[in-house]
């Protein structure tokens, strides 16, 4: 699931939403444990081949969905009840 999707002009969704959806699927698919630290926004921007601010906006989207928590100076983490081994089916 961690394969980065191809983002091209033929896609009709906003790029940050597509990245948020992909990261959400990775979280819900069990690629990350509940409470595990995600890569930095700059690393994710390199991974997805997009601007840093695009990933930053995707992180805002994921926080609004309740999938991640960001602790200033510590990083961004999968929210409790999300990710691998949490028993959350949906």
N, C-alpha and C. Protein backbone atom coordinates (compact mmCIF):
# COMPACT_ATOMS: atom_id res chain seq x y z
N UNK A 1 0.81 -1.20 0.00
CA UNK A 1 0.00 0.00 0.00
C UNK A 1 0.85 1.26 0.00
N UNK A 2 2.11 1.16 0.37
CA UNK A 2 2.94 2.35 0.48
C UNK A 2 3.40 2.88 -0.88
N UNK A 3 3.11 2.18 -1.97
CA UNK A 3 3.47 2.69 -3.29
C UNK A 3 2.80 4.04 -3.50
N UNK A 4 3.60 5.00 -3.87
CA UNK A 4 3.09 6.35 -4.05
C UNK A 4 2.29 6.42 -5.34
N UNK A 5 1.07 6.94 -5.27
CA UNK A 5 0.27 7.06 -6.49
C UNK A 5 0.86 8.09 -7.44
N UNK A 6 0.51 7.98 -8.70
CA UNK A 6 0.95 8.94 -9.70
C UNK A 6 -0.04 10.08 -9.71
N UNK A 7 0.46 11.29 -9.55
CA UNK A 7 -0.40 12.47 -9.57
C UNK A 7 -0.19 13.19 -10.89
N UNK A 8 -1.23 13.30 -11.67
CA UNK A 8 -1.12 13.95 -12.96
C UNK A 8 -2.29 14.89 -13.18
N UNK A 9 -2.23 15.68 -14.24
CA UNK A 9 -3.29 16.65 -14.51
C UNK A 9 -4.64 16.03 -14.84
N UNK A 10 -4.64 14.73 -15.15
CA UNK A 10 -5.91 14.08 -15.48
C UNK A 10 -6.76 13.79 -14.23
N UNK A 11 -6.13 13.89 -13.06
CA UNK A 11 -6.87 13.66 -11.81
C UNK A 11 -7.68 14.90 -11.48
N UNK A 12 -8.91 14.68 -11.05
CA UNK A 12 -9.82 15.81 -10.82
C UNK A 12 -9.92 16.21 -9.36
N UNK A 13 -9.24 15.49 -8.47
CA UNK A 13 -9.30 15.86 -7.07
C UNK A 13 -8.12 16.76 -6.71
N UNK A 14 -8.27 17.48 -5.62
CA UNK A 14 -7.18 18.33 -5.15
C UNK A 14 -6.01 17.46 -4.72
N UNK A 15 -4.81 17.90 -5.01
CA UNK A 15 -3.62 17.12 -4.73
C UNK A 15 -3.47 16.82 -3.24
N UNK A 16 -3.71 17.80 -2.38
CA UNK A 16 -3.56 17.56 -0.95
C UNK A 16 -4.58 16.56 -0.45
N UNK A 17 -5.78 16.54 -1.04
CA UNK A 17 -6.80 15.58 -0.65
C UNK A 17 -6.38 14.17 -1.10
N UNK A 18 -5.82 14.06 -2.29
CA UNK A 18 -5.35 12.76 -2.77
C UNK A 18 -4.25 12.21 -1.86
N UNK A 19 -3.35 13.08 -1.43
CA UNK A 19 -2.28 12.64 -0.52
C UNK A 19 -2.86 12.26 0.83
N UNK A 20 -3.78 13.05 1.34
CA UNK A 20 -4.43 12.73 2.62
C UNK A 20 -5.17 11.41 2.53
N UNK A 21 -5.87 11.18 1.43
CA UNK A 21 -6.59 9.91 1.24
C UNK A 21 -5.61 8.74 1.21
N UNK A 22 -4.48 8.91 0.54
CA UNK A 22 -3.50 7.84 0.44
C UNK A 22 -2.89 7.54 1.81
N UNK A 23 -2.53 8.59 2.55
CA UNK A 23 -1.99 8.38 3.89
C UNK A 23 -3.04 7.77 4.82
N UNK A 24 -4.29 8.20 4.69
CA UNK A 24 -5.37 7.62 5.51
C UNK A 24 -5.52 6.14 5.22
N UNK A 25 -5.44 5.76 3.95
CA UNK A 25 -5.53 4.34 3.59
C UNK A 25 -4.36 3.56 4.16
N UNK A 26 -3.18 4.17 4.17
CA UNK A 26 -2.00 3.51 4.75
C UNK A 26 -2.19 3.31 6.25
N UNK A 27 -2.75 4.31 6.92
CA UNK A 27 -2.99 4.22 8.36
C UNK A 27 -4.05 3.15 8.63
N UNK A 28 -5.17 3.25 7.95
CA UNK A 28 -6.27 2.30 8.18
C UNK A 28 -5.92 0.89 7.72
N UNK A 29 -5.00 0.78 6.76
CA UNK A 29 -4.57 -0.52 6.25
C UNK A 29 -3.57 -1.21 7.16
N UNK A 30 -3.18 -0.54 8.23
CA UNK A 30 -2.30 -1.16 9.20
C UNK A 30 -0.82 -0.98 8.94
N UNK A 31 -0.45 -0.09 8.03
CA UNK A 31 0.96 0.13 7.78
C UNK A 31 1.64 0.81 8.97
N UNK A 32 0.86 1.55 9.76
CA UNK A 32 1.39 2.24 10.93
C UNK A 32 0.64 1.78 12.18
N UNK A 33 1.37 1.61 13.28
CA UNK A 33 0.75 1.31 14.57
C UNK A 33 0.11 2.57 15.13
N UNK A 34 -0.93 2.40 15.93
CA UNK A 34 -1.49 3.51 16.68
C UNK A 34 -0.39 4.11 17.54
N UNK A 35 -0.22 5.42 17.47
CA UNK A 35 0.82 6.09 18.24
C UNK A 35 2.17 6.18 17.57
N UNK A 36 2.34 5.52 16.41
CA UNK A 36 3.65 5.57 15.74
C UNK A 36 3.88 6.94 15.10
N UNK A 37 5.13 7.30 15.01
CA UNK A 37 5.52 8.59 14.45
C UNK A 37 5.59 8.50 12.94
N UNK A 38 5.01 9.48 12.27
CA UNK A 38 5.08 9.57 10.82
C UNK A 38 6.36 10.31 10.42
N UNK A 39 6.76 10.13 9.18
CA UNK A 39 7.90 10.89 8.66
C UNK A 39 7.57 12.37 8.68
N UNK A 40 8.60 13.19 8.66
CA UNK A 40 8.38 14.64 8.65
C UNK A 40 7.68 15.07 7.36
N UNK A 41 7.09 16.25 7.41
CA UNK A 41 6.40 16.77 6.22
C UNK A 41 7.36 16.93 5.05
N UNK A 42 8.58 17.32 5.32
CA UNK A 42 9.56 17.48 4.23
C UNK A 42 9.93 16.13 3.62
N UNK A 43 10.08 15.12 4.44
CA UNK A 43 10.38 13.78 3.93
C UNK A 43 9.19 13.26 3.11
N UNK A 44 7.99 13.46 3.62
CA UNK A 44 6.80 13.02 2.88
C UNK A 44 6.67 13.79 1.55
N UNK A 45 7.01 15.06 1.55
CA UNK A 45 6.98 15.84 0.30
C UNK A 45 7.92 15.24 -0.72
N UNK A 46 9.11 14.84 -0.28
CA UNK A 46 10.05 14.19 -1.20
C UNK A 46 9.49 12.85 -1.68
N UNK A 47 8.91 12.08 -0.74
CA UNK A 47 8.36 10.77 -1.08
C UNK A 47 7.25 10.88 -2.12
N UNK A 48 6.38 11.88 -1.96
CA UNK A 48 5.25 12.04 -2.87
C UNK A 48 5.58 12.90 -4.08
N UNK A 49 6.74 13.54 -4.08
CA UNK A 49 7.15 14.37 -5.21
C UNK A 49 6.33 15.63 -5.35
N UNK A 50 5.97 16.21 -4.22
CA UNK A 50 5.14 17.42 -4.22
C UNK A 50 5.80 18.48 -3.34
N UNK A 51 5.24 19.67 -3.35
CA UNK A 51 5.73 20.75 -2.51
C UNK A 51 5.44 20.47 -1.04
N UNK A 52 6.33 20.96 -0.21
CA UNK A 52 6.19 20.82 1.24
C UNK A 52 4.84 21.34 1.73
N UNK A 53 4.40 22.48 1.21
CA UNK A 53 3.13 23.05 1.66
C UNK A 53 1.93 22.19 1.26
N UNK A 54 2.05 21.42 0.20
CA UNK A 54 0.98 20.50 -0.19
C UNK A 54 0.83 19.41 0.87
N UNK A 55 1.95 18.87 1.33
CA UNK A 55 1.90 17.86 2.39
C UNK A 55 1.40 18.48 3.68
N UNK A 56 1.82 19.69 3.96
CA UNK A 56 1.36 20.37 5.18
C UNK A 56 -0.17 20.47 5.17
N UNK A 57 -0.75 20.82 4.02
CA UNK A 57 -2.21 20.93 3.91
C UNK A 57 -2.86 19.55 4.04
N UNK A 58 -2.21 18.51 3.52
CA UNK A 58 -2.73 17.15 3.68
C UNK A 58 -2.74 16.75 5.16
N UNK A 59 -1.73 17.18 5.91
CA UNK A 59 -1.68 16.88 7.35
C UNK A 59 -2.81 17.58 8.10
N UNK A 60 -3.13 18.80 7.69
CA UNK A 60 -4.27 19.51 8.28
C UNK A 60 -5.54 18.69 8.05
N UNK A 61 -5.70 18.20 6.85
CA UNK A 61 -6.86 17.36 6.50
C UNK A 61 -6.92 16.11 7.38
N UNK A 62 -5.79 15.44 7.57
CA UNK A 62 -5.76 14.23 8.39
C UNK A 62 -6.04 14.53 9.86
N UNK A 63 -5.55 15.69 10.35
CA UNK A 63 -5.87 16.09 11.73
C UNK A 63 -7.36 16.34 11.88
N UNK A 64 -7.96 16.99 10.88
CA UNK A 64 -9.41 17.25 10.91
C UNK A 64 -10.21 15.95 10.89
N UNK A 65 -9.68 14.93 10.25
CA UNK A 65 -10.35 13.62 10.22
C UNK A 65 -10.10 12.81 11.49
N UNK A 66 -9.23 13.31 12.35
CA UNK A 66 -8.93 12.62 13.60
C UNK A 66 -7.99 11.44 13.46
N UNK A 67 -7.24 11.38 12.36
CA UNK A 67 -6.34 10.25 12.13
C UNK A 67 -4.94 10.46 12.67
N UNK A 68 -4.54 11.72 12.82
CA UNK A 68 -3.19 12.01 13.31
C UNK A 68 -3.25 13.10 14.37
N UNK A 69 -2.17 13.16 15.16
CA UNK A 69 -1.97 14.22 16.14
C UNK A 69 -0.57 14.77 15.93
N UNK A 70 -0.41 16.09 16.03
CA UNK A 70 0.90 16.69 15.91
C UNK A 70 1.25 17.34 17.23
N UNK A 71 2.44 17.02 17.73
CA UNK A 71 2.95 17.61 18.96
C UNK A 71 4.12 18.49 18.58
N UNK A 72 3.99 19.78 18.82
CA UNK A 72 5.02 20.74 18.44
C UNK A 72 6.36 20.33 19.03
N UNK A 73 7.37 20.26 18.18
CA UNK A 73 8.70 19.90 18.61
C UNK A 73 8.95 18.41 18.74
N UNK A 74 7.90 17.60 18.60
CA UNK A 74 8.03 16.14 18.74
C UNK A 74 7.77 15.41 17.44
N UNK A 75 6.75 15.85 16.69
CA UNK A 75 6.42 15.19 15.44
C UNK A 75 4.93 14.94 15.29
N UNK A 76 4.60 14.17 14.28
CA UNK A 76 3.21 13.81 13.97
C UNK A 76 3.05 12.33 14.17
N UNK A 77 1.97 11.95 14.84
CA UNK A 77 1.75 10.57 15.26
C UNK A 77 0.37 10.09 14.83
N UNK A 78 0.25 8.78 14.61
CA UNK A 78 -1.05 8.18 14.34
C UNK A 78 -1.87 8.29 15.62
N UNK A 79 -3.09 8.77 15.48
CA UNK A 79 -3.95 8.99 16.64
C UNK A 79 -4.31 7.68 17.33
N UNK A 80 -4.52 7.72 18.63
CA UNK A 80 -4.98 6.52 19.35
C UNK A 80 -6.26 5.99 18.70
N UNK A 81 -6.35 4.67 18.60
CA UNK A 81 -7.53 4.06 17.99
C UNK A 81 -7.45 3.93 16.49
N UNK A 82 -6.33 4.36 15.91
CA UNK A 82 -6.12 4.26 14.46
C UNK A 82 -4.92 3.36 14.23
N UNK A 83 -4.77 2.85 13.03
CA UNK A 83 -3.59 2.09 12.68
C UNK A 83 -3.65 0.64 13.10
N UNK A 84 -2.51 -0.02 12.97
CA UNK A 84 -2.36 -1.45 13.18
C UNK A 84 -2.65 -1.86 14.61
N UNK A 85 -3.39 -2.93 14.77
CA UNK A 85 -3.60 -3.53 16.08
C UNK A 85 -4.56 -2.79 16.98
N UNK A 86 -5.34 -1.85 16.45
CA UNK A 86 -6.24 -1.11 17.31
C UNK A 86 -7.64 -1.68 17.30
N UNK A 87 -7.94 -2.62 16.41
CA UNK A 87 -9.27 -3.22 16.35
C UNK A 87 -10.30 -2.32 15.69
N UNK A 88 -9.86 -1.27 15.03
CA UNK A 88 -10.76 -0.33 14.37
C UNK A 88 -10.99 -0.79 12.94
N UNK A 89 -12.20 -1.14 12.63
CA UNK A 89 -12.52 -1.63 11.29
C UNK A 89 -13.06 -0.56 10.36
N UNK A 90 -13.14 0.66 10.81
CA UNK A 90 -13.73 1.52 9.88
C UNK A 90 -13.59 2.90 9.87
